[in-house]
Amino acid sequence: MINQVSILGNLATAPRQEVLPSGTVKVSFLLAYNSYYTDRSGQQQEKAEFFWVETFGRSAVNASKFLVQGQQVAVAGQLSGGNIRLENGSYRNCTVIRAEQIEYLSKPQSRTADPETEPAVANVEF
């Protein structure tokens, strides 16, 4: 069975870095992309879709250095089920992409966002 996904989108949150007990660096961020469809009345509609992305090791270190919220990226990896911890301490089930490759498609506008002080994902509706 093949479990491979490729998605092009924009970072909806700043990357968040953590070091696991094993010493491995993990970075996670929310990736947003737009899907389009035609409704029953024939009107073109647009809907934002979100995926939680996690990457590890060298890819994670590079992501934390070079990615900023709003930047366009292409992500390739495997789908996995997972939970994310929200600002209020509760958890939400979501689909996670375990990124094996991240391609930077746009230059960041600025690197003013600090991942340590960014708000949690609680205000994003899935």
PDB file of N, CA and C in Angstrom:
ATOM      1  N   MET A   1       0.842  -1.176   0.000  1.00  0.00           N
ATOM      2  CA  MET A   1       0.000   0.000   0.000  1.00  0.00           C
ATOM      3  C   MET A   1       0.889   1.241   0.000  1.00  0.00           C
ATOM      4  N   ILE A   2       0.527   2.235  -0.790  1.00  0.00           N
ATOM      5  CA  ILE A   2       1.305   3.468  -0.888  1.00  0.00           C
ATOM      6  C   ILE A   2       0.646   4.540  -0.040  1.00  0.00           C
ATOM      7  N   ASN A   3       1.440   5.238   0.744  1.00  0.00           N
ATOM      8  CA  ASN A   3       0.976   6.340   1.573  1.00  0.00           C
ATOM      9  C   ASN A   3       1.873   7.522   1.274  1.00  0.00           C
ATOM     10  N   GLN A   4       1.512   8.315   0.259  1.00  0.00           N
ATOM     11  CA  GLN A   4       2.317   9.453  -0.151  1.00  0.00           C
ATOM     12  C   GLN A   4       1.389  10.596  -0.520  1.00  0.00           C
ATOM     13  N   VAL A   5       1.719  11.801  -0.081  1.00  0.00           N
ATOM     14  CA  VAL A   5       0.914  12.976  -0.385  1.00  0.00           C
ATOM     15  C   VAL A   5       1.844  14.138  -0.713  1.00  0.00           C
ATOM     16  N   SER A   6       1.399  14.982  -1.642  1.00  0.00           N
ATOM     17  CA  SER A   6       2.104  16.216  -1.982  1.00  0.00           C
ATOM     18  C   SER A   6       1.087  17.339  -1.973  1.00  0.00           C
ATOM     19  N   ILE A   7       1.409  18.407  -1.269  1.00  0.00           N
ATOM     20  CA  ILE A   7       0.468  19.531  -1.141  1.00  0.00           C
ATOM     21  C   ILE A   7       1.238  20.836  -1.279  1.00  0.00           C
ATOM     22  N   LEU A   8       0.644  21.776  -1.993  1.00  0.00           N
ATOM     23  CA  LEU A   8       1.192  23.112  -2.135  1.00  0.00           C
ATOM     24  C   LEU A   8       0.272  24.054  -1.369  1.00  0.00           C
ATOM     25  N   GLY A   9       0.832  24.864  -0.498  1.00  0.00           N
ATOM     26  CA  GLY A   9       0.005  25.783   0.283  1.00  0.00           C
ATOM     27  C   GLY A   9       0.844  26.836   0.970  1.00  0.00           C
ATOM     28  N   ASN A  10       0.219  27.566   1.875  1.00  0.00           N
ATOM     29  CA  ASN A  10       0.883  28.617   2.635  1.00  0.00           C
ATOM     30  C   ASN A  10       0.867  28.276   4.114  1.00  0.00           C
ATOM     31  N   LEU A  11       1.917  28.667   4.813  1.00  0.00           N
ATOM     32  CA  LEU A  11       1.969  28.437   6.255  1.00  0.00           C
ATOM     33  C   LEU A  11       0.911  29.291   6.938  1.00  0.00           C
ATOM     34  N   ALA A  12      -0.009  28.655   7.648  1.00  0.00           N
ATOM     35  CA  ALA A  12      -1.060  29.372   8.382  1.00  0.00           C
ATOM     36  C   ALA A  12      -0.573  29.760   9.775  1.00  0.00           C
ATOM     37  N   THR A  13       0.483  29.114  10.236  1.00  0.00           N
ATOM     38  CA  THR A  13       1.095  29.459  11.522  1.00  0.00           C
ATOM     39  C   THR A  13       2.602  29.509  11.335  1.00  0.00           C
ATOM     40  N   ALA A  14       3.266  30.176  12.241  1.00  0.00           N
ATOM     41  CA  ALA A  14       4.728  30.161  12.242  1.00  0.00           C
ATOM     42  C   ALA A  14       5.194  28.770  12.666  1.00  0.00           C
ATOM     43  N   PRO A  15       6.325  28.315  12.167  1.00  0.00           N
ATOM     44  CA  PRO A  15       6.842  27.007  12.582  1.00  0.00           C
ATOM     45  C   PRO A  15       7.136  26.987  14.081  1.00  0.00           C
ATOM     46  N   ARG A  16       6.843  25.866  14.719  1.00  0.00           N
ATOM     47  CA  ARG A  16       7.111  25.695  16.157  1.00  0.00           C
ATOM     48  C   ARG A  16       8.114  24.573  16.327  1.00  0.00           C
ATOM     49  N   GLN A  17       9.225  24.887  16.947  1.00  0.00           N
ATOM     50  CA  GLN A  17      10.296  23.906  17.120  1.00  0.00           C
ATOM     51  C   GLN A  17      10.297  23.362  18.536  1.00  0.00           C
ATOM     52  N   GLU A  18      10.561  22.065  18.656  1.00  0.00           N
ATOM     53  CA  GLU A  18      10.768  21.446  19.958  1.00  0.00           C
ATOM     54  C   GLU A  18      11.834  20.369  19.813  1.00  0.00           C
ATOM     55  N   VAL A  19      12.501  20.074  20.910  1.00  0.00           N
ATOM     56  CA  VAL A  19      13.497  19.009  20.924  1.00  0.00           C
ATOM     57  C   VAL A  19      12.902  17.847  21.699  1.00  0.00           C
ATOM     58  N   LEU A  20      12.822  16.685  21.059  1.00  0.00           N
ATOM     59  CA  LEU A  20      12.261  15.494  21.685  1.00  0.00           C
ATOM     60  C   LEU A  20      13.250  14.915  22.697  1.00  0.00           C
ATOM     61  N   PRO A  21      12.780  14.100  23.640  1.00  0.00           N
ATOM     62  CA  PRO A  21      13.681  13.504  24.640  1.00  0.00           C
ATOM     63  C   PRO A  21      14.864  12.756  24.021  1.00  0.00           C
ATOM     64  N   SER A  22      14.681  12.255  22.802  1.00  0.00           N
ATOM     65  CA  SER A  22      15.773  11.545  22.119  1.00  0.00           C
ATOM     66  C   SER A  22      16.835  12.500  21.583  1.00  0.00           C
ATOM     67  N   GLY A  23      16.532  13.818  21.611  1.00  0.00           N
ATOM     68  CA  GLY A  23      17.451  14.813  21.070  1.00  0.00           C
ATOM     69  C   GLY A  23      17.116  15.223  19.654  1.00  0.00           C
ATOM     70  N   THR A  24      16.143  14.560  19.034  1.00  0.00           N
ATOM     71  CA  THR A  24      15.733  14.882  17.667  1.00  0.00           C
ATOM     72  C   THR A  24      14.936  16.184  17.657  1.00  0.00           C
ATOM     73  N   VAL A  25      15.230  17.041  16.678  1.00  0.00           N
ATOM     74  CA  VAL A  25      14.495  18.292  16.515  1.00  0.00           C
ATOM     75  C   VAL A  25      13.221  18.013  15.720  1.00  0.00           C
ATOM     76  N   LYS A  26      12.101  18.554  16.200  1.00  0.00           N
ATOM     77  CA  LYS A  26      10.807  18.422  15.530  1.00  0.00           C
ATOM     78  C   LYS A  26      10.255  19.827  15.304  1.00  0.00           C
ATOM     79  N   VAL A  27       9.773  20.075  14.101  1.00  0.00           N
ATOM     80  CA  VAL A  27       9.116  21.344  13.784  1.00  0.00           C
ATOM     81  C   VAL A  27       7.733  21.016  13.242  1.00  0.00           C
ATOM     82  N   SER A  28       6.745  21.790  13.665  1.00  0.00           N
ATOM     83  CA  SER A  28       5.381  21.602  13.179  1.00  0.00           C
ATOM     84  C   SER A  28       4.775  22.953  12.816  1.00  0.00           C
ATOM     85  N   PHE A  29       3.862  22.916  11.852  1.00  0.00           N
ATOM     86  CA  PHE A  29       3.162  24.122  11.429  1.00  0.00           C
ATOM     87  C   PHE A  29       1.869  23.721  10.738  1.00  0.00           C
ATOM     88  N   LEU A  30       0.956  24.660  10.633  1.00  0.00           N
ATOM     89  CA  LEU A  30      -0.314  24.438   9.961  1.00  0.00           C
ATOM     90  C   LEU A  30      -0.193  24.943   8.529  1.00  0.00           C
ATOM     91  N   LEU A  31      -0.528  24.085   7.567  1.00  0.00           N
ATOM     92  CA  LEU A  31      -0.455  24.425   6.153  1.00  0.00           C
ATOM     93  C   LEU A  31      -1.869  24.621   5.617  1.00  0.00           C
ATOM     94  N   ALA A  32      -2.104  25.752   4.971  1.00  0.00           N
ATOM     95  CA  ALA A  32      -3.424  26.056   4.411  1.00  0.00           C
ATOM     96  C   ALA A  32      -3.349  26.036   2.889  1.00  0.00           C
ATOM     97  N   TYR A  33      -4.388  25.513   2.277  1.00  0.00           N
ATOM     98  CA  TYR A  33      -4.506  25.596   0.825  1.00  0.00           C
ATOM     99  C   TYR A  33      -5.966  25.814   0.488  1.00  0.00           C
ATOM    100  N   ASN A  34      -6.213  26.325  -0.702  1.00  0.00           N
ATOM    101  CA  ASN A  34      -7.570  26.612  -1.139  1.00  0.00           C
ATOM    102  C   ASN A  34      -8.057  25.517  -2.066  1.00  0.00           C
ATOM    103  N   SER A  35      -9.274  25.082  -1.846  1.00  0.00           N
ATOM    104  CA  SER A  35      -9.920  24.156  -2.775  1.00  0.00           C
ATOM    105  C   SER A  35     -11.091  24.892  -3.411  1.00  0.00           C
ATOM    106  N   TYR A  36     -11.389  24.544  -4.645  1.00  0.00           N
ATOM    107  CA  TYR A  36     -12.437  25.212  -5.399  1.00  0.00           C
ATOM    108  C   TYR A  36     -13.472  24.187  -5.841  1.00  0.00           C
ATOM    109  N   TYR A  37     -14.711  24.610  -5.853  1.00  0.00           N
ATOM    110  CA  TYR A  37     -15.789  23.739  -6.306  1.00  0.00           C
ATOM    111  C   TYR A  37     -16.934  24.602  -6.823  1.00  0.00           C
ATOM    112  N   THR A  38     -17.836  23.965  -7.542  1.00  0.00           N
ATOM    113  CA  THR A  38     -19.017  24.648  -8.054  1.00  0.00           C
ATOM    114  C   THR A  38     -20.209  24.192  -7.230  1.00  0.00           C
ATOM    115  N   ASP A  39     -20.933  25.158  -6.674  1.00  0.00           N
ATOM    116  CA  ASP A  39     -22.094  24.804  -5.850  1.00  0.00           C
ATOM    117  C   ASP A  39     -23.297  24.467  -6.730  1.00  0.00           C
ATOM    118  N   ARG A  40     -24.411  24.148  -6.098  1.00  0.00           N
ATOM    119  CA  ARG A  40     -25.616  23.708  -6.832  1.00  0.00           C
ATOM    120  C   ARG A  40     -26.162  24.765  -7.776  1.00  0.00           C
ATOM    121  N   SER A  41     -25.917  26.031  -7.453  1.00  0.00           N
ATOM    122  CA  SER A  41     -26.423  27.098  -8.311  1.00  0.00           C
ATOM    123  C   SER A  41     -25.459  27.435  -9.453  1.00  0.00           C
ATOM    124  N   GLY A  42     -24.333  26.711  -9.522  1.00  0.00           N
ATOM    125  CA  GLY A  42     -23.378  26.931 -10.606  1.00  0.00           C
ATOM    126  C   GLY A  42     -22.309  27.965 -10.294  1.00  0.00           C
ATOM    127  N   GLN A  43     -22.320  28.488  -9.075  1.00  0.00           N
ATOM    128  CA  GLN A  43     -21.328  29.493  -8.674  1.00  0.00           C
ATOM    129  C   GLN A  43     -20.038  28.830  -8.200  1.00  0.00           C
ATOM    130  N   GLN A  44     -18.910  29.388  -8.633  1.00  0.00           N
ATOM    131  CA  GLN A  44     -17.603  28.891  -8.179  1.00  0.00           C
ATOM    132  C   GLN A  44     -17.398  29.310  -6.719  1.00  0.00           C
ATOM    133  N   GLN A  45     -17.025  28.363  -5.872  1.00  0.00           N
ATOM    134  CA  GLN A  45     -16.795  28.615  -4.457  1.00  0.00           C
ATOM    135  C   GLN A  45     -15.352  28.270  -4.102  1.00  0.00           C
ATOM    136  N   GLU A  46     -14.853  28.924  -3.064  1.00  0.00           N
ATOM    137  CA  GLU A  46     -13.501  28.683  -2.580  1.00  0.00           C
ATOM    138  C   GLU A  46     -13.576  28.344  -1.091  1.00  0.00           C
ATOM    139  N   LYS A  47     -12.805  27.343  -0.680  1.00  0.00           N
ATOM    140  CA  LYS A  47     -12.803  26.929   0.717  1.00  0.00           C
ATOM    141  C   LYS A  47     -11.365  26.683   1.155  1.00  0.00           C
ATOM    142  N   ALA A  48     -11.011  27.187   2.327  1.00  0.00           N
ATOM    143  CA  ALA A  48      -9.672  26.955   2.871  1.00  0.00           C
ATOM    144  C   ALA A  48      -9.648  25.597   3.581  1.00  0.00           C
ATOM    145  N   GLU A  49      -8.623  24.823   3.298  1.00  0.00           N
ATOM    146  CA  GLU A  49      -8.405  23.520   3.927  1.00  0.00           C
ATOM    147  C   GLU A  49      -7.084  23.595   4.689  1.00  0.00           C
ATOM    148  N   PHE A  50      -6.969  22.801   5.771  1.00  0.00           N
ATOM    149  CA  PHE A  50      -5.771  22.856   6.613  1.00  0.00           C
ATOM    150  C   PHE A  50      -5.226  21.459   6.891  1.00  0.00           C
ATOM    151  N   PHE A  51      -3.902  21.361   6.920  1.00  0.00           N
ATOM    152  CA  PHE A  51      -3.202  20.156   7.351  1.00  0.00           C
ATOM    153  C   PHE A  51      -2.136  20.539   8.358  1.00  0.00           C
ATOM    154  N   TRP A  52      -1.966  19.732   9.385  1.00  0.00           N
ATOM    155  CA  TRP A  52      -0.883  19.895  10.328  1.00  0.00           C
ATOM    156  C   TRP A  52       0.326  19.172   9.738  1.00  0.00           C
ATOM    157  N   VAL A  53       1.482  19.833   9.692  1.00  0.00           N
ATOM    158  CA  VAL A  53       2.693  19.272   9.108  1.00  0.00           C
ATOM    159  C   VAL A  53       3.748  19.139  10.197  1.00  0.00           C
ATOM    160  N   GLU A  54       4.401  17.979  10.229  1.00  0.00           N
ATOM    161  CA  GLU A  54       5.516  17.753  11.152  1.00  0.00           C
ATOM    162  C   GLU A  54       6.712  17.290  10.347  1.00  0.00           C
ATOM    163  N   THR A  55       7.888  17.763  10.713  1.00  0.00           N
ATOM    164  CA  THR A  55       9.123  17.307  10.094  1.00  0.00           C
ATOM    165  C   THR A  55      10.180  17.175  11.182  1.00  0.00           C
ATOM    166  N   PHE A  56      11.179  16.348  10.930  1.00  0.00           N
ATOM    167  CA  PHE A  56      12.156  15.996  11.954  1.00  0.00           C
ATOM    168  C   PHE A  56      13.579  16.149  11.426  1.00  0.00           C
ATOM    169  N   GLY A  57      14.521  16.247  12.344  1.00  0.00           N
ATOM    170  CA  GLY A  57      15.935  16.236  11.995  1.00  0.00           C
ATOM    171  C   GLY A  57      16.383  17.481  11.249  1.00  0.00           C
ATOM    172  N   ARG A  58      17.236  17.267  10.241  1.00  0.00           N
ATOM    173  CA  ARG A  58      17.814  18.378   9.477  1.00  0.00           C
ATOM    174  C   ARG A  58      16.734  19.211   8.778  1.00  0.00           C
ATOM    175  N   SER A  59      15.731  18.540   8.235  1.00  0.00           N
ATOM    176  CA  SER A  59      14.629  19.254   7.588  1.00  0.00           C
ATOM    177  C   SER A  59      13.925  20.181   8.580  1.00  0.00           C
ATOM    178  N   ALA A  60      13.784  19.730   9.823  1.00  0.00           N
ATOM    179  CA  ALA A  60      13.144  20.537  10.869  1.00  0.00           C
ATOM    180  C   ALA A  60      13.997  21.755  11.215  1.00  0.00           C
ATOM    181  N   VAL A  61      15.301  21.557  11.320  1.00  0.00           N
ATOM    182  CA  VAL A  61      16.204  22.673  11.631  1.00  0.00           C
ATOM    183  C   VAL A  61      16.116  23.735  10.541  1.00  0.00           C
ATOM    184  N   ASN A  62      16.135  23.314   9.275  1.00  0.00           N
ATOM    185  CA  ASN A  62      16.021  24.261   8.162  1.00  0.00           C
ATOM    186  C   ASN A  62      14.667  24.957   8.156  1.00  0.00           C
ATOM    187  N   ALA A  63      13.611  24.215   8.429  1.00  0.00           N
ATOM    188  CA  ALA A  63      12.270  24.811   8.459  1.00  0.00           C
ATOM    189  C   ALA A  63      12.174  25.896   9.528  1.00  0.00           C
ATOM    190  N   SER A  64      12.735  25.633  10.700  1.00  0.00           N
ATOM    191  CA  SER A  64      12.656  26.626  11.778  1.00  0.00           C
ATOM    192  C   SER A  64      13.485  27.870  11.460  1.00  0.00           C
ATOM    193  N   LYS A  65      14.536  27.713  10.666  1.00  0.00           N
ATOM    194  CA  LYS A  65      15.385  28.857  10.298  1.00  0.00           C
ATOM    195  C   LYS A  65      14.788  29.700   9.180  1.00  0.00           C
ATOM    196  N   PHE A  66      14.161  29.045   8.200  1.00  0.00           N
ATOM    197  CA  PHE A  66      13.825  29.740   6.962  1.00  0.00           C
ATOM    198  C   PHE A  66      12.343  29.945   6.688  1.00  0.00           C
ATOM    199  N   LEU A  67      11.448  29.225   7.364  1.00  0.00           N
ATOM    200  CA  LEU A  67      10.021  29.369   7.089  1.00  0.00           C
ATOM    201  C   LEU A  67       9.383  30.424   7.985  1.00  0.00           C
ATOM    202  N   VAL A  68       8.435  31.167   7.421  1.00  0.00           N
ATOM    203  CA  VAL A  68       7.660  32.145   8.188  1.00  0.00           C
ATOM    204  C   VAL A  68       6.192  32.004   7.799  1.00  0.00           C
ATOM    205  N   GLN A  69       5.339  32.470   8.679  1.00  0.00           N
ATOM    206  CA  GLN A  69       3.900  32.426   8.424  1.00  0.00           C
ATOM    207  C   GLN A  69       3.583  33.150   7.118  1.00  0.00           C
ATOM    208  N   GLY A  70       2.722  32.549   6.293  1.00  0.00           N
ATOM    209  CA  GLY A  70       2.313  33.132   5.024  1.00  0.00           C
ATOM    210  C   GLY A  70       3.136  32.680   3.841  1.00  0.00           C
ATOM    211  N   GLN A  71       4.303  32.090   4.084  1.00  0.00           N
ATOM    212  CA  GLN A  71       5.183  31.664   3.007  1.00  0.00           C
ATOM    213  C   GLN A  71       4.597  30.471   2.261  1.00  0.00           C
ATOM    214  N   GLN A  72       4.788  30.446   0.939  1.00  0.00           N
ATOM    215  CA  GLN A  72       4.282  29.339   0.133  1.00  0.00           C
ATOM    216  C   GLN A  72       5.320  28.222   0.077  1.00  0.00           C
ATOM    217  N   VAL A  73       4.860  26.983   0.309  1.00  0.00           N
ATOM    218  CA  VAL A  73       5.736  25.812   0.284  1.00  0.00           C
ATOM    219  C   VAL A  73       5.023  24.650  -0.388  1.00  0.00           C
ATOM    220  N   ALA A  74       5.819  23.698  -0.859  1.00  0.00           N
ATOM    221  CA  ALA A  74       5.305  22.410  -1.319  1.00  0.00           C
ATOM    222  C   ALA A  74       5.813  21.373  -0.326  1.00  0.00           C
ATOM    223  N   VAL A  75       4.921  20.530   0.153  1.00  0.00           N
ATOM    224  CA  VAL A  75       5.265  19.523   1.158  1.00  0.00           C
ATOM    225  C   VAL A  75       4.961  18.146   0.576  1.00  0.00           C
ATOM    226  N   ALA A  76       5.909  17.221   0.736  1.00  0.00           N
ATOM    227  CA  ALA A  76       5.705  15.833   0.323  1.00  0.00           C
ATOM    228  C   ALA A  76       6.015  14.946   1.510  1.00  0.00           C
ATOM    229  N   GLY A  77       5.156  13.981   1.766  1.00  0.00           N
ATOM    230  CA  GLY A  77       5.372  13.085   2.896  1.00  0.00           C
ATOM    231  C   GLY A  77       4.274  12.059   3.007  1.00  0.00           C
ATOM    232  N   GLN A  78       4.112  11.543   4.210  1.00  0.00           N
ATOM    233  CA  GLN A  78       3.115  10.511   4.472  1.00  0.00           C
ATOM    234  C   GLN A  78       2.008  11.049   5.364  1.00  0.00           C
ATOM    235  N   LEU A  79       0.784  10.569   5.130  1.00  0.00           N
ATOM    236  CA  LEU A  79      -0.353  10.932   5.969  1.00  0.00           C
ATOM    237  C   LEU A  79      -0.356  10.076   7.224  1.00  0.00           C
ATOM    238  N   SER A  80      -0.751  10.703   8.317  1.00  0.00           N
ATOM    239  CA  SER A  80      -0.836  10.010   9.592  1.00  0.00           C
ATOM    240  C   SER A  80      -1.946  10.656  10.400  1.00  0.00           C
ATOM    241  N   GLY A  81      -2.575   9.887  11.255  1.00  0.00           N
ATOM    242  CA  GLY A  81      -3.541  10.457  12.186  1.00  0.00           C
ATOM    243  C   GLY A  81      -2.774  11.039  13.359  1.00  0.00           C
ATOM    244  N   GLY A  82      -3.326  12.046  13.974  1.00  0.00           N
ATOM    245  CA  GLY A  82      -2.622  12.627  15.106  1.00  0.00           C
ATOM    246  C   GLY A  82      -3.497  13.554  15.907  1.00  0.00           C
ATOM    247  N   ASN A  83      -2.952  14.057  16.976  1.00  0.00           N
ATOM    248  CA  ASN A  83      -3.619  15.024  17.838  1.00  0.00           C
ATOM    249  C   ASN A  83      -2.743  16.254  17.943  1.00  0.00           C
ATOM    250  N   ILE A  84      -3.380  17.420  17.970  1.00  0.00           N
ATOM    251  CA  ILE A  84      -2.644  18.639  18.261  1.00  0.00           C
ATOM    252  C   ILE A  84      -3.177  19.213  19.558  1.00  0.00           C
ATOM    253  N   ARG A  85      -2.295  19.801  20.320  1.00  0.00           N
ATOM    254  CA  ARG A  85      -2.673  20.394  21.599  1.00  0.00           C
ATOM    255  C   ARG A  85      -3.044  21.849  21.357  1.00  0.00           C
ATOM    256  N   LEU A  86      -4.229  22.226  21.770  1.00  0.00           N
ATOM    257  CA  LEU A  86      -4.716  23.589  21.597  1.00  0.00           C
ATOM    258  C   LEU A  86      -4.300  24.458  22.773  1.00  0.00           C
ATOM    259  N   GLU A  87      -4.472  25.757  22.605  1.00  0.00           N
ATOM    260  CA  GLU A  87      -4.082  26.729  23.620  1.00  0.00           C
ATOM    261  C   GLU A  87      -4.741  26.453  24.973  1.00  0.00           C
ATOM    262  N   ASN A  88      -5.972  25.958  24.976  1.00  0.00           N
ATOM    263  CA  ASN A  88      -6.694  25.719  26.229  1.00  0.00           C
ATOM    264  C   ASN A  88      -6.311  24.387  26.883  1.00  0.00           C
ATOM    265  N   GLY A  89      -5.335  23.669  26.288  1.00  0.00           N
ATOM    266  CA  GLY A  89      -4.871  22.414  26.869  1.00  0.00           C
ATOM    267  C   GLY A  89      -5.581  21.182  26.346  1.00  0.00           C
ATOM    268  N   SER A  90      -6.648  21.371  25.587  1.00  0.00           N
ATOM    269  CA  SER A  90      -7.358  20.222  25.031  1.00  0.00           C
ATOM    270  C   SER A  90      -6.661  19.761  23.753  1.00  0.00           C
ATOM    271  N   TYR A  91      -7.069  18.589  23.278  1.00  0.00           N
ATOM    272  CA  TYR A  91      -6.475  18.034  22.073  1.00  0.00           C
ATOM    273  C   TYR A  91      -7.535  17.908  20.990  1.00  0.00           C
ATOM    274  N   ARG A  92      -7.109  18.026  19.747  1.00  0.00           N
ATOM    275  CA  ARG A  92      -8.008  17.874  18.615  1.00  0.00           C
ATOM    276  C   ARG A  92      -7.405  16.860  17.648  1.00  0.00           C
ATOM    277  N   ASN A  93      -8.244  15.905  17.204  1.00  0.00           N
ATOM    278  CA  ASN A  93      -7.789  14.949  16.195  1.00  0.00           C
ATOM    279  C   ASN A  93      -7.654  15.659  14.858  1.00  0.00           C
ATOM    280  N   CYS A  94      -6.620  15.319  14.113  1.00  0.00           N
ATOM    281  CA  CYS A  94      -6.445  15.911  12.802  1.00  0.00           C
ATOM    282  C   CYS A  94      -5.584  15.001  11.939  1.00  0.00           C
ATOM    283  N   THR A  95      -5.562  15.300  10.654  1.00  0.00           N
ATOM    284  CA  THR A  95      -4.684  14.593   9.740  1.00  0.00           C
ATOM    285  C   THR A  95      -3.339  15.297   9.745  1.00  0.00           C
ATOM    286  N   VAL A  96      -2.293  14.527   9.910  1.00  0.00           N
ATOM    287  CA  VAL A  96      -0.938  15.067   9.981  1.00  0.00           C
ATOM    288  C   VAL A  96      -0.167  14.591   8.758  1.00  0.00           C
ATOM    289  N   ILE A  97       0.597  15.502   8.165  1.00  0.00           N
ATOM    290  CA  ILE A  97       1.535  15.114   7.113  1.00  0.00           C
ATOM    291  C   ILE A  97       2.913  15.055   7.756  1.00  0.00           C
ATOM    292  N   ARG A  98       3.529  13.888   7.740  1.00  0.00           N
ATOM    293  CA  ARG A  98       4.907  13.731   8.208  1.00  0.00           C
ATOM    294  C   ARG A  98       5.798  14.039   7.008  1.00  0.00           C
ATOM    295  N   ALA A  99       6.271  15.290   6.943  1.00  0.00           N
ATOM    296  CA  ALA A  99       6.977  15.784   5.763  1.00  0.00           C
ATOM    297  C   ALA A  99       8.357  15.157   5.625  1.00  0.00           C
ATOM    298  N   GLU A 100       8.604  14.629   4.456  1.00  0.00           N
ATOM    299  CA  GLU A 100       9.923  14.110   4.111  1.00  0.00           C
ATOM    300  C   GLU A 100      10.685  15.137   3.285  1.00  0.00           C
ATOM    301  N   GLN A 101       9.941  15.978   2.545  1.00  0.00           N
ATOM    302  CA  GLN A 101      10.542  17.037   1.753  1.00  0.00           C
ATOM    303  C   GLN A 101       9.707  18.298   1.891  1.00  0.00           C
ATOM    304  N   ILE A 102      10.378  19.448   2.015  1.00  0.00           N
ATOM    305  CA  ILE A 102       9.712  20.744   2.011  1.00  0.00           C
ATOM    306  C   ILE A 102      10.453  21.614   1.010  1.00  0.00           C
ATOM    307  N   GLU A 103       9.727  22.113   0.019  1.00  0.00           N
ATOM    308  CA  GLU A 103      10.323  22.984  -0.983  1.00  0.00           C
ATOM    309  C   GLU A 103       9.811  24.400  -0.753  1.00  0.00           C
ATOM    310  N   TYR A 104      10.728  25.340  -0.610  1.00  0.00           N
ATOM    311  CA  TYR A 104      10.379  26.730  -0.363  1.00  0.00           C
ATOM    312  C   TYR A 104      10.071  27.393  -1.698  1.00  0.00           C
ATOM    313  N   LEU A 105       8.827  27.824  -1.910  1.00  0.00           N
ATOM    314  CA  LEU A 105       8.394  28.351  -3.199  1.00  0.00           C
ATOM    315  C   LEU A 105       8.352  29.867  -3.258  1.00  0.00           C
ATOM    316  N   SER A 106       8.319  30.516  -2.127  1.00  0.00           N
ATOM    317  CA  SER A 106       8.336  31.979  -2.119  1.00  0.00           C
ATOM    318  C   SER A 106       9.322  32.450  -1.062  1.00  0.00           C
ATOM    319  N   LYS A 107       9.831  33.646  -1.285  1.00  0.00           N
ATOM    320  CA  LYS A 107      10.736  34.227  -0.288  1.00  0.00           C
ATOM    321  C   LYS A 107       9.896  34.816   0.832  1.00  0.00           C
ATOM    322  N   PRO A 108      10.347  34.668   2.074  1.00  0.00           N
ATOM    323  CA  PRO A 108       9.574  35.249   3.177  1.00  0.00           C
ATOM    324  C   PRO A 108       9.604  36.771   3.094  1.00  0.00           C
ATOM    325  N   GLN A 109       8.490  37.396   3.462  1.00  0.00           N
ATOM    326  CA  GLN A 109       8.422  38.856   3.485  1.00  0.00           C
ATOM    327  C   GLN A 109       9.303  39.435   4.585  1.00  0.00           C
ATOM    328  N   SER A 110       9.268  38.791   5.756  1.00  0.00           N
ATOM    329  CA  SER A 110      10.101  39.224   6.881  1.00  0.00           C
ATOM    330  C   SER A 110      10.185  38.091   7.873  1.00  0.00           C
ATOM    331  N   ARG A 111      11.138  38.164   8.726  1.00  0.00           N
ATOM    332  CA  ARG A 111      11.320  37.138   9.756  1.00  0.00           C
ATOM    333  C   ARG A 111      11.127  37.787  11.119  1.00  0.00           C
ATOM    334  N   THR A 112       9.985  38.461  11.319  1.00  0.00           N
ATOM    335  CA  THR A 112       9.734  39.144  12.579  1.00  0.00           C
ATOM    336  C   THR A 112       9.020  38.264  13.583  1.00  0.00           C
ATOM    337  N   ALA A 113       8.365  37.218  13.104  1.00  0.00           N
ATOM    338  CA  ALA A 113       7.594  36.348  13.990  1.00  0.00           C
ATOM    339  C   ALA A 113       8.525  35.451  14.793  1.00  0.00           C
ATOM    340  N   ASP A 114       8.287  35.351  16.084  1.00  0.00           N
ATOM    341  CA  ASP A 114       9.047  34.471  16.961  1.00  0.00           C
ATOM    342  C   ASP A 114       8.177  33.267  17.276  1.00  0.00           C
ATOM    343  N   PRO A 115       8.595  32.057  16.857  1.00  0.00           N
ATOM    344  CA  PRO A 115       7.764  30.868  17.082  1.00  0.00           C
ATOM    345  C   PRO A 115       7.440  30.627  18.554  1.00  0.00           C
ATOM    346  N   GLU A 116       8.276  31.101  19.469  1.00  0.00           N
ATOM    347  CA  GLU A 116       8.023  30.896  20.891  1.00  0.00           C
ATOM    348  C   GLU A 116       6.872  31.757  21.395  1.00  0.00           C
ATOM    349  N   THR A 117       6.614  32.897  20.734  1.00  0.00           N
ATOM    350  CA  THR A 117       5.585  33.810  21.224  1.00  0.00           C
ATOM    351  C   THR A 117       4.351  33.848  20.331  1.00  0.00           C
ATOM    352  N   GLU A 118       4.318  33.060  19.283  1.00  0.00           N
ATOM    353  CA  GLU A 118       3.155  33.013  18.401  1.00  0.00           C
ATOM    354  C   GLU A 118       1.949  32.433  19.144  1.00  0.00           C
ATOM    355  N   PRO A 119       0.733  32.886  18.833  1.00  0.00           N
ATOM    356  CA  PRO A 119      -0.446  32.304  19.468  1.00  0.00           C
ATOM    357  C   PRO A 119      -0.625  30.850  19.059  1.00  0.00           C
ATOM    358  N   ALA A 120      -1.293  30.099  19.894  1.00  0.00           N
ATOM    359  CA  ALA A 120      -1.540  28.685  19.601  1.00  0.00           C
ATOM    360  C   ALA A 120      -2.555  28.558  18.480  1.00  0.00           C
ATOM    361  N   VAL A 121      -2.786  27.367  18.030  1.00  0.00           N
ATOM    362  CA  VAL A 121      -3.638  27.094  16.881  1.00  0.00           C
ATOM    363  C   VAL A 121      -5.117  27.122  17.257  1.00  0.00           C
ATOM    364  N   ALA A 122      -5.445  27.416  18.489  1.00  0.00           N
ATOM    365  CA  ALA A 122      -6.821  27.315  18.968  1.00  0.00           C
ATOM    366  C   ALA A 122      -7.794  28.171  18.154  1.00  0.00           C
ATOM    367  N   ASN A 123      -7.313  29.258  17.545  1.00  0.00           N
ATOM    368  CA  ASN A 123      -8.228  30.134  16.812  1.00  0.00           C
ATOM    369  C   ASN A 123      -8.433  29.703  15.374  1.00  0.00           C
ATOM    370  N   VAL A 124      -7.854  28.593  14.928  1.00  0.00           N
ATOM    371  CA  VAL A 124      -8.027  28.093  13.583  1.00  0.00           C
ATOM    372  C   VAL A 124      -9.103  27.014  13.588  1.00  0.00           C
ATOM    373  N   GLU A 125     -10.112  27.197  12.758  1.00  0.00           N
ATOM    374  CA  GLU A 125     -11.190  26.218  12.671  1.00  0.00           C
ATOM    375  C   GLU A 125     -10.830  25.165  11.642  1.00  0.00           C
ATOM    376  N   PHE A 126     -10.963  23.901  12.011  1.00  0.00           N
ATOM    377  CA  PHE A 126     -10.699  22.797  11.091  1.00  0.00           C
ATOM    378  C   PHE A 126     -11.996  22.359  10.460  1.00  0.00           C
TER     379      PHE A 126
END
